[in-house]
Structure formats: structure tokens, C-alpha cells
Protein backbone atom coordinates (compact mmCIF):
# COMPACT_ATOMS: atom_id res chain seq x y z
CA MET A 1 -15.91 -16.42 -8.73
CA MET A 2 -13.17 -17.50 -6.36
CA ASP A 3 -13.52 -16.36 -2.80
CA ILE A 4 -10.28 -14.45 -2.43
CA ASN A 5 -10.48 -14.41 1.36
CA ASN A 6 -10.18 -18.20 1.45
CA ASN A 7 -7.14 -18.41 -0.82
CA ASN A 8 -3.98 -19.68 0.78
CA TRP A 9 -1.64 -17.30 -1.05
CA ILE A 10 1.51 -18.91 0.31
CA ALA A 11 0.56 -22.36 -0.94
CA MET A 12 -0.38 -21.09 -4.41
CA ASN A 13 2.09 -21.03 -7.26
CA ASP A 14 2.56 -17.91 -9.38
CA ALA A 15 0.18 -19.08 -12.10
CA ALA A 16 -2.60 -19.70 -9.58
CA ILE A 17 -2.11 -16.25 -8.05
CA ALA A 18 -2.22 -14.65 -11.51
CA LYS A 19 -5.47 -16.52 -12.21
CA SER A 20 -6.95 -15.24 -8.95
CA ILE A 21 -5.99 -11.68 -9.87
CA GLY A 22 -7.52 -12.16 -13.31
CA ALA A 23 -10.72 -13.54 -11.80
CA PHE A 24 -10.84 -10.53 -9.45
CA VAL A 25 -10.53 -8.10 -12.37
CA LYS A 26 -13.10 -9.96 -14.48
CA HIS A 27 -15.57 -10.20 -11.59
CA HIS A 28 -15.44 -6.48 -10.93
CA ARG A 29 -15.59 -5.61 -14.63
CA LEU A 30 -18.75 -7.68 -15.00
CA GLN A 31 -20.20 -6.23 -11.77
CA GLN A 32 -19.82 -2.81 -13.38
CA ASN A 33 -21.45 -4.15 -16.57
CA ARG A 34 -18.49 -3.06 -18.71
CA THR A 35 -17.21 -4.79 -21.81
CA GLN A 36 -13.61 -5.81 -22.27
CA LYS A 37 -13.33 -3.33 -25.14
CA ASP A 38 -14.67 -0.48 -23.00
CA VAL A 39 -12.25 -1.17 -20.14
CA ALA A 40 -9.30 -1.79 -22.45
CA ASP A 41 -9.91 1.45 -24.36
CA ALA A 42 -10.23 3.44 -21.14
CA ALA A 43 -7.03 1.85 -19.80
CA GLY A 44 -5.15 2.48 -23.03
CA ILE A 45 -4.42 -1.19 -23.69
CA ASN A 46 -5.49 -3.75 -26.29
CA ARG A 47 -8.55 -5.88 -25.60
CA SER A 48 -6.36 -8.96 -26.02
CA THR A 49 -4.13 -7.70 -23.20
CA LEU A 50 -7.15 -7.40 -20.91
CA THR A 51 -8.24 -10.90 -21.96
CA SER A 52 -4.77 -12.17 -21.04
CA LEU A 53 -4.97 -10.45 -17.66
CA GLU A 54 -8.39 -11.95 -16.92
CA LYS A 55 -7.17 -15.43 -17.91
CA GLY A 56 -4.19 -15.15 -15.59
CA ASP A 57 -1.55 -14.78 -18.27
CA THR A 58 1.52 -12.65 -17.70
CA VAL A 59 1.00 -8.90 -18.00
CA THR A 60 2.99 -5.96 -16.73
CA ILE A 61 2.32 -4.31 -13.40
CA ALA A 62 1.66 -1.08 -15.28
CA THR A 63 -1.13 -2.81 -17.21
CA LEU A 64 -2.68 -4.13 -14.01
CA ILE A 65 -2.54 -0.67 -12.43
CA GLN A 66 -4.16 0.92 -15.49
CA VAL A 67 -7.02 -1.59 -15.40
CA LEU A 68 -7.48 -1.22 -11.63
CA ARG A 69 -7.63 2.56 -12.07
CA VAL A 70 -10.32 2.31 -14.77
CA LEU A 71 -12.37 -0.05 -12.60
CA ASP A 72 -11.92 2.19 -9.51
CA LEU A 73 -10.14 -0.64 -7.70
CA LEU A 74 -6.90 1.09 -6.75
CA TYR A 75 -7.86 0.65 -3.10
CA VAL A 76 -6.39 -2.85 -3.31
CA MET A 77 -2.98 -1.20 -3.50
CA ASP A 78 -3.35 -0.19 0.16
CA VAL A 79 -1.86 -3.53 1.19
CA PHE A 80 1.46 -2.37 -0.27
CA HIS A 81 1.64 0.75 1.92
CA VAL A 82 4.77 0.72 4.06
CA GLU A 83 4.62 2.59 7.31
CA ASP A 84 7.79 3.40 9.19
CA GLU A 85 7.75 1.77 12.57
CA ILE A 86 10.09 2.41 15.45
CA SER A 87 11.36 -0.45 17.55
CA PRO A 88 10.59 -0.45 21.27
CA ILE A 89 14.32 -0.18 22.04
CA GLU A 90 14.75 2.85 19.80
CA TYR A 91 11.61 4.43 21.31
CA ALA A 92 13.03 3.96 24.82
CA ARG A 93 16.33 5.49 23.71
CA LEU A 94 14.51 8.52 22.30
CA GLN A 95 12.48 8.91 25.50
CA LYS A 96 15.67 8.78 27.59
CA ASN A 97 17.16 11.71 25.68
CA LYS A 98 13.97 13.78 25.89
CA ARG A 99 14.12 16.94 28.02
CA LYS A 100 12.38 16.59 31.34
CA ARG A 101 12.82 20.14 32.68
CA ALA A 102 12.84 23.63 31.30
CA ARG A 103 15.05 26.48 32.41
CA SER A 104 13.98 30.08 32.14
CA LYS A 105 16.02 32.22 29.79
CA ASP A 106 16.87 34.68 32.60
CA ASP A 107 18.69 32.04 34.58
CA ASN A 108 22.30 31.76 33.67
CA LYS A 109 25.42 30.61 35.45
CA THR A 110 26.67 34.09 36.25
CA ASN A 111 23.63 34.75 38.44
CA ILE A 112 24.27 31.56 40.36
CA ASN A 113 27.87 32.58 41.07
CA GLU A 114 26.74 35.97 42.41
CA SER A 115 24.60 34.38 45.07
CA GLU A 116 24.80 35.89 48.56
CA TRP A 117 25.48 32.55 50.15
């Protein structure tokens, strides 16, 4: 089994990445002691499609997701989570516009004008 942590993903071509993904799927399928037929049937795909995936051949993303779901490996999808981040400049702009004082509701401008001073 390839050690995925040591792969240089940027230096790899698409075929090598697909083979690494296939090796990952095959490794975990075998770790769970499941046959290709069992996983393929549970994923709703042909066994030959799973074989293609494990060999690194081209398959659809939907097929990969189905297989990952059956093998309880959807956690790998966490790397695709996009979290909205605010830039430091925008954060400073928001802080500048933030209220710094509160005024009671009883205070109004008419009371100020009626002052005895």
C-alpha cells in the first residue's frame, strides 16, 4: 500500500493520483474484509466499475462518492470544505463601524434643548 502522506500530489500526474485513490479504496476495502462484489452491490455499481476504480482507471465522482459512502470513508471529503474567511482589512472596517456607546431610550434631543442652562 502506498503511504499517502508521503505522496507529492503536485508532482504527480492525473493517472498517478487516480492510482493512489484506487489503492486507498482497495486498501480500506480489504481492511474491512469485503469483496469487490459486496461493495459494488452496496454502492449500486458494477463490480467491473469498482475494479476500474481500484486500478486507477477513470470513473465518475459520483461512483467514487458511492464507494466511499459504503466503506464509511466519507470523512476524506472534509478536505473540500470551504469556510468563509474575512480579510483583516474587512474585519478592521467592520470593527470601525461597530457601536461603542449606547443611549437610553428616554434620552432624546428635545430634552437636551429644554435644559436649564
